[in-house]
PDB file of all heavy atoms in Angstrom:
ATOM      1  N   ARG A   1      -5.629   0.886  11.732  1.00  0.00           N
ATOM      2  CA  ARG A   1      -5.349  -0.269  12.579  1.00  0.00           C
ATOM      3  C   ARG A   1      -4.758  -1.407  11.769  1.00  0.00           C
ATOM      4  O   ARG A   1      -3.805  -2.063  12.188  1.00  0.00           O
ATOM      5  CB  ARG A   1      -6.630  -0.719  13.276  1.00  0.00           C
ATOM      6  CG  ARG A   1      -6.432  -1.872  14.257  1.00  0.00           C
ATOM      7  CD  ARG A   1      -7.742  -2.284  14.864  1.00  0.00           C
ATOM      8  NE  ARG A   1      -7.541  -3.387  15.787  1.00  0.00           N
ATOM      9  CZ  ARG A   1      -8.509  -4.177  16.217  1.00  0.00           C
ATOM     10  NH1 ARG A   1      -9.742  -3.963  15.828  1.00  0.00           N
ATOM     11  NH2 ARG A   1      -8.264  -5.165  17.061  1.00  0.00           N
ATOM     12  N   LEU A   2      -5.316  -1.656  10.595  1.00  0.00           N
ATOM     13  CA  LEU A   2      -4.803  -2.732   9.740  1.00  0.00           C
ATOM     14  C   LEU A   2      -3.380  -2.445   9.295  1.00  0.00           C
ATOM     15  O   LEU A   2      -2.542  -3.339   9.239  1.00  0.00           O
ATOM     16  CB  LEU A   2      -5.718  -2.912   8.530  1.00  0.00           C
ATOM     17  CG  LEU A   2      -7.106  -3.490   8.818  1.00  0.00           C
ATOM     18  CD1 LEU A   2      -7.942  -3.514   7.544  1.00  0.00           C
ATOM     19  CD2 LEU A   2      -7.000  -4.893   9.401  1.00  0.00           C
ATOM     20  N   VAL A   3      -3.101  -1.192   8.955  1.00  0.00           N
ATOM     21  CA  VAL A   3      -1.746  -0.816   8.552  1.00  0.00           C
ATOM     22  C   VAL A   3      -0.772  -1.064   9.697  1.00  0.00           C
ATOM     23  O   VAL A   3       0.322  -1.602   9.507  1.00  0.00           O
ATOM     24  CB  VAL A   3      -1.704   0.659   8.109  1.00  0.00           C
ATOM     25  CG1 VAL A   3      -0.262   1.127   7.948  1.00  0.00           C
ATOM     26  CG2 VAL A   3      -2.466   0.842   6.803  1.00  0.00           C
ATOM     27  N   LYS A   4      -1.187  -0.686  10.926  1.00  0.00           N
ATOM     28  CA  LYS A   4      -0.334  -0.889  12.091  1.00  0.00           C
ATOM     29  C   LYS A   4      -0.081  -2.372  12.338  1.00  0.00           C
ATOM     30  O   LYS A   4       1.053  -2.796  12.580  1.00  0.00           O
ATOM     31  CB  LYS A   4      -0.985  -0.262  13.318  1.00  0.00           C
ATOM     32  CG  LYS A   4      -0.180  -0.389  14.609  1.00  0.00           C
ATOM     33  CD  LYS A   4      -0.864   0.361  15.729  1.00  0.00           C
ATOM     34  CE  LYS A   4      -0.051   0.293  17.015  1.00  0.00           C
ATOM     35  NZ  LYS A   4      -0.047  -1.049  17.596  1.00  0.00           N
ATOM     36  N   LEU A   5      -1.134  -3.173  12.245  1.00  0.00           N
ATOM     37  CA  LEU A   5      -0.977  -4.611  12.452  1.00  0.00           C
ATOM     38  C   LEU A   5      -0.089  -5.237  11.391  1.00  0.00           C
ATOM     39  O   LEU A   5       0.754  -6.088  11.683  1.00  0.00           O
ATOM     40  CB  LEU A   5      -2.352  -5.286  12.451  1.00  0.00           C
ATOM     41  CG  LEU A   5      -3.222  -5.075  13.689  1.00  0.00           C
ATOM     42  CD1 LEU A   5      -4.626  -5.584  13.436  1.00  0.00           C
ATOM     43  CD2 LEU A   5      -2.622  -5.751  14.904  1.00  0.00           C
ATOM     44  N   ALA A   6      -0.280  -4.812  10.136  1.00  0.00           N
ATOM     45  CA  ALA A   6       0.529  -5.359   9.050  1.00  0.00           C
ATOM     46  C   ALA A   6       1.995  -5.023   9.260  1.00  0.00           C
ATOM     47  O   ALA A   6       2.879  -5.861   9.041  1.00  0.00           O
ATOM     48  CB  ALA A   6       0.045  -4.809   7.712  1.00  0.00           C
ATOM     49  N   ARG A   7       2.266  -3.784   9.686  1.00  0.00           N
ATOM     50  CA  ARG A   7       3.653  -3.395   9.924  1.00  0.00           C
ATOM     51  C   ARG A   7       4.253  -4.175  11.079  1.00  0.00           C
ATOM     52  O   ARG A   7       5.423  -4.574  11.036  1.00  0.00           O
ATOM     53  CB  ARG A   7       3.728  -1.884  10.207  1.00  0.00           C
ATOM     54  CG  ARG A   7       5.167  -1.367  10.360  1.00  0.00           C
ATOM     55  CD  ARG A   7       6.018  -1.741   9.160  1.00  0.00           C
ATOM     56  NE  ARG A   7       7.410  -1.368   9.346  1.00  0.00           N
ATOM     57  CZ  ARG A   7       8.431  -1.938   8.731  1.00  0.00           C
ATOM     58  NH1 ARG A   7       8.219  -2.946   7.873  1.00  0.00           N
ATOM     59  NH2 ARG A   7       9.664  -1.520   8.933  1.00  0.00           N
ATOM     60  N   GLU A   8       3.465  -4.437  12.115  1.00  0.00           N
ATOM     61  CA  GLU A   8       3.943  -5.238  13.232  1.00  0.00           C
ATOM     62  C   GLU A   8       4.352  -6.630  12.762  1.00  0.00           C
ATOM     63  O   GLU A   8       5.365  -7.178  13.186  1.00  0.00           O
ATOM     64  CB  GLU A   8       2.861  -5.353  14.306  1.00  0.00           C
ATOM     65  CG  GLU A   8       2.626  -4.071  15.095  1.00  0.00           C
ATOM     66  CD  GLU A   8       1.437  -4.191  16.028  1.00  0.00           C
ATOM     67  OE1 GLU A   8       0.750  -5.222  15.977  1.00  0.00           O
ATOM     68  OE2 GLU A   8       1.203  -3.251  16.797  1.00  0.00           O
ATOM     69  N   LEU A   9       3.543  -7.200  11.874  1.00  0.00           N
ATOM     70  CA  LEU A   9       3.850  -8.534  11.373  1.00  0.00           C
ATOM     71  C   LEU A   9       5.089  -8.508  10.484  1.00  0.00           C
ATOM     72  O   LEU A   9       5.934  -9.404  10.540  1.00  0.00           O
ATOM     73  CB  LEU A   9       2.644  -9.083  10.599  1.00  0.00           C
ATOM     74  CG  LEU A   9       2.649 -10.574  10.263  1.00  0.00           C
ATOM     75  CD1 LEU A   9       3.063 -11.408  11.458  1.00  0.00           C
ATOM     76  CD2 LEU A   9       1.297 -11.007   9.759  1.00  0.00           C
ATOM     77  N   GLU A  10       5.229  -7.461   9.668  1.00  0.00           N
ATOM     78  CA  GLU A  10       6.433  -7.318   8.851  1.00  0.00           C
ATOM     79  C   GLU A  10       7.683  -7.254   9.732  1.00  0.00           C
ATOM     80  O   GLU A  10       8.693  -7.909   9.457  1.00  0.00           O
ATOM     81  CB  GLU A  10       6.338  -6.063   7.996  1.00  0.00           C
ATOM     82  CG  GLU A  10       5.324  -6.145   6.863  1.00  0.00           C
ATOM     83  CD  GLU A  10       5.285  -4.851   6.060  1.00  0.00           C
ATOM     84  OE1 GLU A  10       6.297  -4.143   6.038  1.00  0.00           O
ATOM     85  OE2 GLU A  10       4.237  -4.552   5.478  1.00  0.00           O
ATOM     86  N   LEU A  11       7.614  -6.458  10.794  1.00  0.00           N
ATOM     87  CA  LEU A  11       8.756  -6.316  11.691  1.00  0.00           C
ATOM     88  C   LEU A  11       9.073  -7.637  12.367  1.00  0.00           C
ATOM     89  O   LEU A  11      10.244  -7.973  12.578  1.00  0.00           O
ATOM     90  CB  LEU A  11       8.470  -5.234  12.730  1.00  0.00           C
ATOM     91  CG  LEU A  11       8.418  -3.799  12.200  1.00  0.00           C
ATOM     92  CD1 LEU A  11       7.964  -2.844  13.297  1.00  0.00           C
ATOM     93  CD2 LEU A  11       9.781  -3.369  11.661  1.00  0.00           C
ATOM     94  N   ARG A  12       8.026  -8.379  12.708  1.00  0.00           N
ATOM     95  CA  ARG A  12       8.239  -9.682  13.327  1.00  0.00           C
ATOM     96  C   ARG A  12       9.011 -10.596  12.382  1.00  0.00           C
ATOM     97  O   ARG A  12       9.987 -11.241  12.764  1.00  0.00           O
ATOM     98  CB  ARG A  12       6.885 -10.301  13.690  1.00  0.00           C
ATOM     99  CG  ARG A  12       6.945 -11.765  14.108  1.00  0.00           C
ATOM    100  CD  ARG A  12       7.588 -11.949  15.453  1.00  0.00           C
ATOM    101  NE  ARG A  12       7.816 -13.357  15.719  1.00  0.00           N
ATOM    102  CZ  ARG A  12       8.270 -13.835  16.869  1.00  0.00           C
ATOM    103  NH1 ARG A  12       8.543 -13.017  17.855  1.00  0.00           N
ATOM    104  NH2 ARG A  12       8.454 -15.124  17.024  1.00  0.00           N
ATOM    105  N   LEU A  13       8.597 -10.637  11.122  1.00  0.00           N
ATOM    106  CA  LEU A  13       9.279 -11.469  10.140  1.00  0.00           C
ATOM    107  C   LEU A  13      10.710 -11.017   9.931  1.00  0.00           C
ATOM    108  O   LEU A  13      11.636 -11.828   9.819  1.00  0.00           O
ATOM    109  CB  LEU A  13       8.515 -11.444   8.813  1.00  0.00           C
ATOM    110  CG  LEU A  13       7.215 -12.233   8.784  1.00  0.00           C
ATOM    111  CD1 LEU A  13       6.427 -11.904   7.528  1.00  0.00           C
ATOM    112  CD2 LEU A  13       7.473 -13.721   8.862  1.00  0.00           C
ATOM    113  N   GLU A  14      10.916  -9.706   9.885  1.00  0.00           N
ATOM    114  CA  GLU A  14      12.262  -9.181   9.679  1.00  0.00           C
ATOM    115  C   GLU A  14      13.186  -9.548  10.836  1.00  0.00           C
ATOM    116  O   GLU A  14      14.357  -9.861  10.637  1.00  0.00           O
ATOM    117  CB  GLU A  14      12.207  -7.665   9.513  1.00  0.00           C
ATOM    118  CG  GLU A  14      11.568  -7.228   8.199  1.00  0.00           C
ATOM    119  CD  GLU A  14      11.289  -5.734   8.162  1.00  0.00           C
ATOM    120  OE1 GLU A  14      11.696  -5.029   9.115  1.00  0.00           O
ATOM    121  OE2 GLU A  14      10.680  -5.274   7.187  1.00  0.00           O
ATOM    122  N   ARG A  15      12.658  -9.519  12.055  1.00  0.00           N
ATOM    123  CA  ARG A  15      13.476  -9.851  13.218  1.00  0.00           C
ATOM    124  C   ARG A  15      13.813 -11.330  13.270  1.00  0.00           C
ATOM    125  O   ARG A  15      14.917 -11.711  13.623  1.00  0.00           O
ATOM    126  CB  ARG A  15      12.744  -9.456  14.512  1.00  0.00           C
ATOM    127  CG  ARG A  15      12.644  -7.979  14.760  1.00  0.00           C
ATOM    128  CD  ARG A  15      12.336  -7.703  16.225  1.00  0.00           C
ATOM    129  NE  ARG A  15      11.155  -8.399  16.687  1.00  0.00           N
ATOM    130  CZ  ARG A  15       9.934  -7.896  16.638  1.00  0.00           C
ATOM    131  NH1 ARG A  15       9.734  -6.711  16.103  1.00  0.00           N
ATOM    132  NH2 ARG A  15       8.905  -8.583  17.089  1.00  0.00           N
ATOM    133  N   LEU A  16      12.838 -12.171  12.939  1.00  0.00           N
ATOM    134  CA  LEU A  16      13.040 -13.601  13.091  1.00  0.00           C
ATOM    135  C   LEU A  16      13.880 -14.218  11.979  1.00  0.00           C
ATOM    136  O   LEU A  16      14.629 -15.149  12.192  1.00  0.00           O
ATOM    137  CB  LEU A  16      11.684 -14.311  13.152  1.00  0.00           C
ATOM    138  CG  LEU A  16      10.871 -14.106  14.426  1.00  0.00           C
ATOM    139  CD1 LEU A  16       9.567 -14.852  14.334  1.00  0.00           C
ATOM    140  CD2 LEU A  16      11.649 -14.563  15.643  1.00  0.00           C
ATOM    141  N   VAL A  17      13.723 -13.705  10.790  1.00  0.00           N
ATOM    142  CA  VAL A  17      14.406 -14.315   9.647  1.00  0.00           C
ATOM    143  C   VAL A  17      15.153 -13.238   8.882  1.00  0.00           C
ATOM    144  O   VAL A  17      14.539 -12.401   8.232  1.00  0.00           O
ATOM    145  CB  VAL A  17      13.410 -15.035   8.709  1.00  0.00           C
ATOM    146  CG1 VAL A  17      14.151 -15.719   7.583  1.00  0.00           C
ATOM    147  CG2 VAL A  17      12.611 -16.058   9.489  1.00  0.00           C
ATOM    148  N   GLU A  18      16.461 -13.235   8.982  1.00  0.00           N
ATOM    149  CA  GLU A  18      17.253 -12.176   8.350  1.00  0.00           C
ATOM    150  C   GLU A  18      17.175 -12.249   6.827  1.00  0.00           C
ATOM    151  O   GLU A  18      17.229 -11.232   6.144  1.00  0.00           O
ATOM    152  CB  GLU A  18      18.719 -12.291   8.787  1.00  0.00           C
ATOM    153  CG  GLU A  18      18.941 -12.061  10.263  1.00  0.00           C
ATOM    154  CD  GLU A  18      20.397 -12.197  10.644  1.00  0.00           C
ATOM    155  OE1 GLU A  18      21.239 -12.306   9.730  1.00  0.00           O
ATOM    156  OE2 GLU A  18      20.685 -12.210  11.841  1.00  0.00           O
ATOM    157  N   GLY A  19      17.041 -13.445   6.302  1.00  0.00           N
ATOM    158  CA  GLY A  19      17.138 -13.584   4.857  1.00  0.00           C
ATOM    159  C   GLY A  19      15.838 -13.725   4.101  1.00  0.00           C
ATOM    160  O   GLY A  19      15.837 -14.232   2.980  1.00  0.00           O
ATOM    161  N   LEU A  20      14.722 -13.315   4.682  1.00  0.00           N
ATOM    162  CA  LEU A  20      13.458 -13.412   3.954  1.00  0.00           C
ATOM    163  C   LEU A  20      13.386 -12.292   2.916  1.00  0.00           C
ATOM    164  O   LEU A  20      12.665 -11.325   3.060  1.00  0.00           O
ATOM    165  CB  LEU A  20      12.265 -13.316   4.908  1.00  0.00           C
ATOM    166  CG  LEU A  20      11.912 -14.583   5.671  1.00  0.00           C
ATOM    167  CD1 LEU A  20      10.682 -14.352   6.529  1.00  0.00           C
ATOM    168  CD2 LEU A  20      11.655 -15.741   4.725  1.00  0.00           C
ATOM    169  N   SER A  21      14.114 -12.447   1.870  1.00  0.00           N
ATOM    170  CA  SER A  21      14.169 -11.405   0.848  1.00  0.00           C
ATOM    171  C   SER A  21      13.629 -11.951  -0.459  1.00  0.00           C
ATOM    172  O   SER A  21      13.424 -13.148  -0.636  1.00  0.00           O
ATOM    173  CB  SER A  21      15.611 -10.931   0.651  1.00  0.00           C
ATOM    174  OG  SER A  21      16.397 -11.994   0.132  1.00  0.00           O
ATOM    175  N   ALA A  22      13.412 -11.069  -1.410  1.00  0.00           N
ATOM    176  CA  ALA A  22      12.857 -11.471  -2.700  1.00  0.00           C
ATOM    177  C   ALA A  22      13.769 -12.429  -3.445  1.00  0.00           C
ATOM    178  O   ALA A  22      13.320 -13.181  -4.299  1.00  0.00           O
ATOM    179  CB  ALA A  22      12.584 -10.240  -3.550  1.00  0.00           C
ATOM    180  N   THR A  23      15.068 -12.410  -3.136  1.00  0.00           N
ATOM    181  CA  THR A  23      15.985 -13.318  -3.826  1.00  0.00           C
ATOM    182  C   THR A  23      15.702 -14.767  -3.471  1.00  0.00           C
ATOM    183  O   THR A  23      16.047 -15.665  -4.237  1.00  0.00           O
ATOM    184  CB  THR A  23      17.438 -12.987  -3.460  1.00  0.00           C
ATOM    185  OG1 THR A  23      17.609 -13.111  -2.042  1.00  0.00           O
ATOM    186  CG2 THR A  23      17.792 -11.570  -3.874  1.00  0.00           C
ATOM    187  N   LEU A  24      15.069 -14.994  -2.309  1.00  0.00           N
ATOM    188  CA  LEU A  24      14.741 -16.364  -1.913  1.00  0.00           C
ATOM    189  C   LEU A  24      13.361 -16.783  -2.398  1.00  0.00           C
ATOM    190  O   LEU A  24      13.032 -17.949  -2.395  1.00  0.00           O
ATOM    191  CB  LEU A  24      14.798 -16.490  -0.388  1.00  0.00           C
ATOM    192  CG  LEU A  24      16.176 -16.354   0.267  1.00  0.00           C
ATOM    193  CD1 LEU A  24      16.042 -16.505   1.767  1.00  0.00           C
ATOM    194  CD2 LEU A  24      17.149 -17.369  -0.279  1.00  0.00           C
ATOM    195  N   PHE A  25      12.561 -15.806  -2.788  1.00  0.00           N
ATOM    196  CA  PHE A  25      11.201 -16.094  -3.185  1.00  0.00           C
ATOM    197  C   PHE A  25      10.944 -15.450  -4.546  1.00  0.00           C
ATOM    198  O   PHE A  25      10.563 -14.292  -4.638  1.00  0.00           O
ATOM    199  CB  PHE A  25      10.218 -15.566  -2.136  1.00  0.00           C
ATOM    200  CG  PHE A  25      10.433 -16.198  -0.791  1.00  0.00           C
ATOM    201  CD1 PHE A  25      11.298 -15.627   0.121  1.00  0.00           C
ATOM    202  CD2 PHE A  25       9.782 -17.371  -0.453  1.00  0.00           C
ATOM    203  CE1 PHE A  25      11.504 -16.215   1.351  1.00  0.00           C
ATOM    204  CE2 PHE A  25       9.988 -17.967   0.783  1.00  0.00           C
ATOM    205  CZ  PHE A  25      10.853 -17.392   1.681  1.00  0.00           C
ATOM    206  N   ARG A  26      11.194 -16.221  -5.588  1.00  0.00           N
ATOM    207  CA  ARG A  26      11.129 -15.675  -6.928  1.00  0.00           C
ATOM    208  C   ARG A  26       9.730 -15.770  -7.538  1.00  0.00           C
ATOM    209  O   ARG A  26       9.531 -15.438  -8.688  1.00  0.00           O
ATOM    210  CB  ARG A  26      12.157 -16.401  -7.814  1.00  0.00           C
ATOM    211  CG  ARG A  26      13.599 -16.134  -7.377  1.00  0.00           C
ATOM    212  CD  ARG A  26      14.601 -16.856  -8.259  1.00  0.00           C
ATOM    213  NE  ARG A  26      14.541 -18.303  -8.047  1.00  0.00           N
ATOM    214  CZ  ARG A  26      15.228 -18.932  -7.096  1.00  0.00           C
ATOM    215  NH1 ARG A  26      15.967 -18.244  -6.254  1.00  0.00           N
ATOM    216  NH2 ARG A  26      15.158 -20.225  -6.971  1.00  0.00           N
ATOM    217  N   GLY A  27       8.776 -16.261  -6.755  1.00  0.00           N
ATOM    218  CA  GLY A  27       7.406 -16.298  -7.232  1.00  0.00           C
ATOM    219  C   GLY A  27       6.766 -14.929  -7.157  1.00  0.00           C
ATOM    220  O   GLY A  27       7.413 -13.918  -6.871  1.00  0.00           O
ATOM    221  N   ARG A  28       5.476 -14.881  -7.398  1.00  0.00           N
ATOM    222  CA  ARG A  28       4.767 -13.604  -7.410  1.00  0.00           C
ATOM    223  C   ARG A  28       4.562 -13.042  -6.007  1.00  0.00           C
ATOM    224  O   ARG A  28       4.471 -11.832  -5.821  1.00  0.00           O
ATOM    225  CB  ARG A  28       3.395 -13.792  -8.075  1.00  0.00           C
ATOM    226  CG  ARG A  28       3.453 -14.160  -9.551  1.00  0.00           C
ATOM    227  CD  ARG A  28       2.049 -14.445 -10.054  1.00  0.00           C
ATOM    228  NE  ARG A  28       2.062 -14.871 -11.445  1.00  0.00           N
ATOM    229  CZ  ARG A  28       1.963 -14.051 -12.481  1.00  0.00           C
ATOM    230  NH1 ARG A  28       1.843 -12.759 -12.261  1.00  0.00           N
ATOM    231  NH2 ARG A  28       1.990 -14.500 -13.717  1.00  0.00           N
ATOM    232  N   LEU A  29       4.448 -13.916  -5.007  1.00  0.00           N
ATOM    233  CA  LEU A  29       4.129 -13.481  -3.656  1.00  0.00           C
ATOM    234  C   LEU A  29       5.343 -13.573  -2.744  1.00  0.00           C
ATOM    235  O   LEU A  29       5.919 -14.636  -2.564  1.00  0.00           O
ATOM    236  CB  LEU A  29       2.996 -14.338  -3.076  1.00  0.00           C
ATOM    237  CG  LEU A  29       1.610 -14.123  -3.679  1.00  0.00           C
ATOM    238  CD1 LEU A  29       0.642 -15.156  -3.123  1.00  0.00           C
ATOM    239  CD2 LEU A  29       1.103 -12.719  -3.375  1.00  0.00           C
ATOM    240  N   HIS A  30       5.730 -12.444  -2.178  1.00  0.00           N
ATOM    241  CA  HIS A  30       6.787 -12.414  -1.175  1.00  0.00           C
ATOM    242  C   HIS A  30       6.165 -12.790   0.172  1.00  0.00           C
ATOM    243  O   HIS A  30       4.968 -12.556   0.390  1.00  0.00           O
ATOM    244  CB  HIS A  30       7.379 -10.999  -1.119  1.00  0.00           C
ATOM    245  CG  HIS A  30       8.587 -10.898  -0.257  1.00  0.00           C
ATOM    246  ND1 HIS A  30       8.509 -10.695   1.105  1.00  0.00           N
ATOM    247  CD2 HIS A  30       9.907 -10.964  -0.554  1.00  0.00           C
ATOM    248  CE1 HIS A  30       9.723 -10.635   1.606  1.00  0.00           C
ATOM    249  NE2 HIS A  30      10.593 -10.800   0.626  1.00  0.00           N
ATOM    250  N   PRO A  31       6.931 -13.378   1.094  1.00  0.00           N
ATOM    251  CA  PRO A  31       6.375 -13.727   2.399  1.00  0.00           C
ATOM    252  C   PRO A  31       5.698 -12.564   3.118  1.00  0.00           C
ATOM    253  O   PRO A  31       4.711 -12.758   3.824  1.00  0.00           O
ATOM    254  CB  PRO A  31       7.602 -14.217   3.176  1.00  0.00           C
ATOM    255  CG  PRO A  31       8.477 -14.792   2.130  1.00  0.00           C
ATOM    256  CD  PRO A  31       8.295 -13.898   0.937  1.00  0.00           C
ATOM    257  N   VAL A  32       6.224 -11.348   2.950  1.00  0.00           N
ATOM    258  CA  VAL A  32       5.591 -10.200   3.599  1.00  0.00           C
ATOM    259  C   VAL A  32       4.212  -9.949   3.001  1.00  0.00           C
ATOM    260  O   VAL A  32       3.287  -9.522   3.704  1.00  0.00           O
ATOM    261  CB  VAL A  32       6.482  -8.951   3.495  1.00  0.00           C
ATOM    262  CG1 VAL A  32       5.745  -7.705   3.969  1.00  0.00           C
ATOM    263  CG2 VAL A  32       7.743  -9.144   4.330  1.00  0.00           C
ATOM    264  N   ASP A  33       4.034 -10.230   1.688  1.00  0.00           N
ATOM    265  CA  ASP A  33       2.704 -10.114   1.081  1.00  0.00           C
ATOM    266  C   ASP A  33       1.736 -11.082   1.763  1.00  0.00           C
ATOM    267  O   ASP A  33       0.596 -10.728   2.090  1.00  0.00           O
ATOM    268  CB  ASP A  33       2.759 -10.421  -0.417  1.00  0.00           C
ATOM    269  CG  ASP A  33       3.593  -9.413  -1.182  1.00  0.00           C
ATOM    270  OD1 ASP A  33       3.591  -8.235  -0.780  1.00  0.00           O
ATOM    271  OD2 ASP A  33       4.228  -9.805  -2.173  1.00  0.00           O
ATOM    272  N   LEU A  34       2.217 -12.326   1.958  1.00  0.00           N
ATOM    273  CA  LEU A  34       1.375 -13.309   2.630  1.00  0.00           C
ATOM    274  C   LEU A  34       1.074 -12.866   4.064  1.00  0.00           C
ATOM    275  O   LEU A  34      -0.053 -13.020   4.547  1.00  0.00           O
ATOM    276  CB  LEU A  34       2.077 -14.673   2.651  1.00  0.00           C
ATOM    277  CG  LEU A  34       2.220 -15.401   1.317  1.00  0.00           C
ATOM    278  CD1 LEU A  34       2.978 -16.705   1.518  1.00  0.00           C
ATOM    279  CD2 LEU A  34       0.864 -15.670   0.700  1.00  0.00           C
ATOM    280  N   ALA A  35       2.095 -12.315   4.723  1.00  0.00           N
ATOM    281  CA  ALA A  35       1.909 -11.848   6.094  1.00  0.00           C
ATOM    282  C   ALA A  35       0.852 -10.756   6.160  1.00  0.00           C
ATOM    283  O   ALA A  35      -0.014 -10.765   7.038  1.00  0.00           O
ATOM    284  CB  ALA A  35       3.238 -11.336   6.658  1.00  0.00           C
ATOM    285  N   ASN A  36       0.923  -9.824   5.232  1.00  0.00           N
ATOM    286  CA  ASN A  36      -0.046  -8.735   5.208  1.00  0.00           C
ATOM    287  C   ASN A  36      -1.468  -9.258   5.005  1.00  0.00           C
ATOM    288  O   ASN A  36      -2.417  -8.819   5.662  1.00  0.00           O
ATOM    289  CB  ASN A  36       0.298  -7.736   4.100  1.00  0.00           C
ATOM    290  CG  ASN A  36       1.498  -6.895   4.444  1.00  0.00           C
ATOM    291  OD1 ASN A  36       1.862  -6.750   5.600  1.00  0.00           O
ATOM    292  ND2 ASN A  36       2.143  -6.341   3.432  1.00  0.00           N
ATOM    293  N   ARG A  37      -1.628 -10.190   4.065  1.00  0.00           N
ATOM    294  CA  ARG A  37      -2.960 -10.752   3.813  1.00  0.00           C
ATOM    295  C   ARG A  37      -3.463 -11.507   5.050  1.00  0.00           C
ATOM    296  O   ARG A  37      -4.630 -11.407   5.422  1.00  0.00           O
ATOM    297  CB  ARG A  37      -2.915 -11.715   2.623  1.00  0.00           C
ATOM    298  CG  ARG A  37      -2.274 -11.171   1.354  1.00  0.00           C
ATOM    299  CD  ARG A  37      -3.215 -10.409   0.470  1.00  0.00           C
ATOM    300  NE  ARG A  37      -2.560 -10.074  -0.795  1.00  0.00           N
ATOM    301  CZ  ARG A  37      -2.784 -10.685  -1.935  1.00  0.00           C
ATOM    302  NH1 ARG A  37      -3.655 -11.674  -2.013  1.00  0.00           N
ATOM    303  NH2 ARG A  37      -2.152 -10.301  -3.041  1.00  0.00           N
ATOM    304  N   LEU A  38      -2.557 -12.269   5.667  1.00  0.00           N
ATOM    305  CA  LEU A  38      -2.944 -13.063   6.825  1.00  0.00           C
ATOM    306  C   LEU A  38      -3.344 -12.177   7.996  1.00  0.00           C
ATOM    307  O   LEU A  38      -4.363 -12.419   8.645  1.00  0.00           O
ATOM    308  CB  LEU A  38      -1.799 -13.994   7.238  1.00  0.00           C
ATOM    309  CG  LEU A  38      -2.031 -14.843   8.497  1.00  0.00           C
ATOM    310  CD1 LEU A  38      -3.261 -15.728   8.343  1.00  0.00           C
ATOM    311  CD2 LEU A  38      -0.793 -15.682   8.805  1.00  0.00           C
ATOM    312  N   VAL A  39      -2.564 -11.131   8.276  1.00  0.00           N
ATOM    313  CA  VAL A  39      -2.864 -10.302   9.437  1.00  0.00           C
ATOM    314  C   VAL A  39      -4.176  -9.546   9.242  1.00  0.00           C
ATOM    315  O   VAL A  39      -4.933  -9.334  10.201  1.00  0.00           O
ATOM    316  CB  VAL A  39      -1.709  -9.343   9.754  1.00  0.00           C
ATOM    317  CG1 VAL A  39      -1.668  -8.166   8.797  1.00  0.00           C
ATOM    318  CG2 VAL A  39      -1.822  -8.836  11.192  1.00  0.00           C
ATOM    319  N   ARG A  40      -4.465  -9.147   8.026  1.00  0.00           N
ATOM    320  CA  ARG A  40      -5.757  -8.508   7.772  1.00  0.00           C
ATOM    321  C   ARG A  40      -6.901  -9.479   8.047  1.00  0.00           C
ATOM    322  O   ARG A  40      -7.915  -9.109   8.641  1.00  0.00           O
ATOM    323  CB  ARG A  40      -5.822  -7.994   6.332  1.00  0.00           C
ATOM    324  CG  ARG A  40      -5.038  -6.708   6.109  1.00  0.00           C
ATOM    325  CD  ARG A  40      -5.006  -6.331   4.634  1.00  0.00           C
ATOM    326  NE  ARG A  40      -4.455  -5.003   4.426  1.00  0.00           N
ATOM    327  CZ  ARG A  40      -3.173  -4.692   4.447  1.00  0.00           C
ATOM    328  NH1 ARG A  40      -2.278  -5.654   4.670  1.00  0.00           N
ATOM    329  NH2 ARG A  40      -2.749  -3.452   4.257  1.00  0.00           N
ATOM    330  N   PHE A  41      -6.711 -10.710   7.607  1.00  0.00           N
ATOM    331  CA  PHE A  41      -7.738 -11.717   7.849  1.00  0.00           C
ATOM    332  C   PHE A  41      -7.907 -11.969   9.344  1.00  0.00           C
ATOM    333  O   PHE A  41      -9.039 -12.033   9.851  1.00  0.00           O
ATOM    334  CB  PHE A  41      -7.368 -13.024   7.136  1.00  0.00           C
ATOM    335  CG  PHE A  41      -8.295 -14.164   7.433  1.00  0.00           C
ATOM    336  CD1 PHE A  41      -9.515 -14.279   6.783  1.00  0.00           C
ATOM    337  CD2 PHE A  41      -7.965 -15.110   8.391  1.00  0.00           C
ATOM    338  CE1 PHE A  41     -10.388 -15.316   7.069  1.00  0.00           C
ATOM    339  CE2 PHE A  41      -8.826 -16.158   8.694  1.00  0.00           C
ATOM    340  CZ  PHE A  41     -10.046 -16.254   8.023  1.00  0.00           C
ATOM    341  N   VAL A  42      -6.794 -12.121  10.065  1.00  0.00           N
ATOM    342  CA  VAL A  42      -6.856 -12.381  11.494  1.00  0.00           C
ATOM    343  C   VAL A  42      -7.559 -11.236  12.213  1.00  0.00           C
ATOM    344  O   VAL A  42      -8.447 -11.452  13.041  1.00  0.00           O
ATOM    345  CB  VAL A  42      -5.441 -12.591  12.077  1.00  0.00           C
ATOM    346  CG1 VAL A  42      -5.502 -12.685  13.598  1.00  0.00           C
ATOM    347  CG2 VAL A  42      -4.807 -13.855  11.504  1.00  0.00           C
ATOM    348  N   ASP A  43      -7.187 -10.006  11.894  1.00  0.00           N
ATOM    349  CA  ASP A  43      -7.777  -8.857  12.565  1.00  0.00           C
ATOM    350  C   ASP A  43      -9.280  -8.768  12.321  1.00  0.00           C
ATOM    351  O   ASP A  43     -10.058  -8.483  13.232  1.00  0.00           O
ATOM    352  CB  ASP A  43      -7.102  -7.575  12.099  1.00  0.00           C
ATOM    353  CG  ASP A  43      -7.643  -6.350  12.821  1.00  0.00           C
ATOM    354  OD1 ASP A  43      -7.557  -6.292  14.053  1.00  0.00           O
ATOM    355  OD2 ASP A  43      -8.182  -5.465  12.140  1.00  0.00           O
ATOM    356  N   LEU A  44      -9.695  -9.047  11.100  1.00  0.00           N
ATOM    357  CA  LEU A  44     -11.117  -8.961  10.770  1.00  0.00           C
ATOM    358  C   LEU A  44     -11.915 -10.139  11.319  1.00  0.00           C
ATOM    359  O   LEU A  44     -13.140 -10.105  11.330  1.00  0.00           O
ATOM    360  CB  LEU A  44     -11.298  -8.866   9.254  1.00  0.00           C
ATOM    361  CG  LEU A  44     -10.799  -7.552   8.630  1.00  0.00           C
ATOM    362  CD1 LEU A  44     -10.843  -7.636   7.108  1.00  0.00           C
ATOM    363  CD2 LEU A  44     -11.627  -6.371   9.120  1.00  0.00           C
TER     364      LEU A  44
END
């Protein structure tokens, strides 16, 4: 279930923002990483 929710959130980000790529985020955490952590927290 968590994997499914995380993928749903990834797809949401991909649809809404075409350029959310690692080239824009040179830190350790990519936005999808944050999304995955957040969706796990929300689900739990």
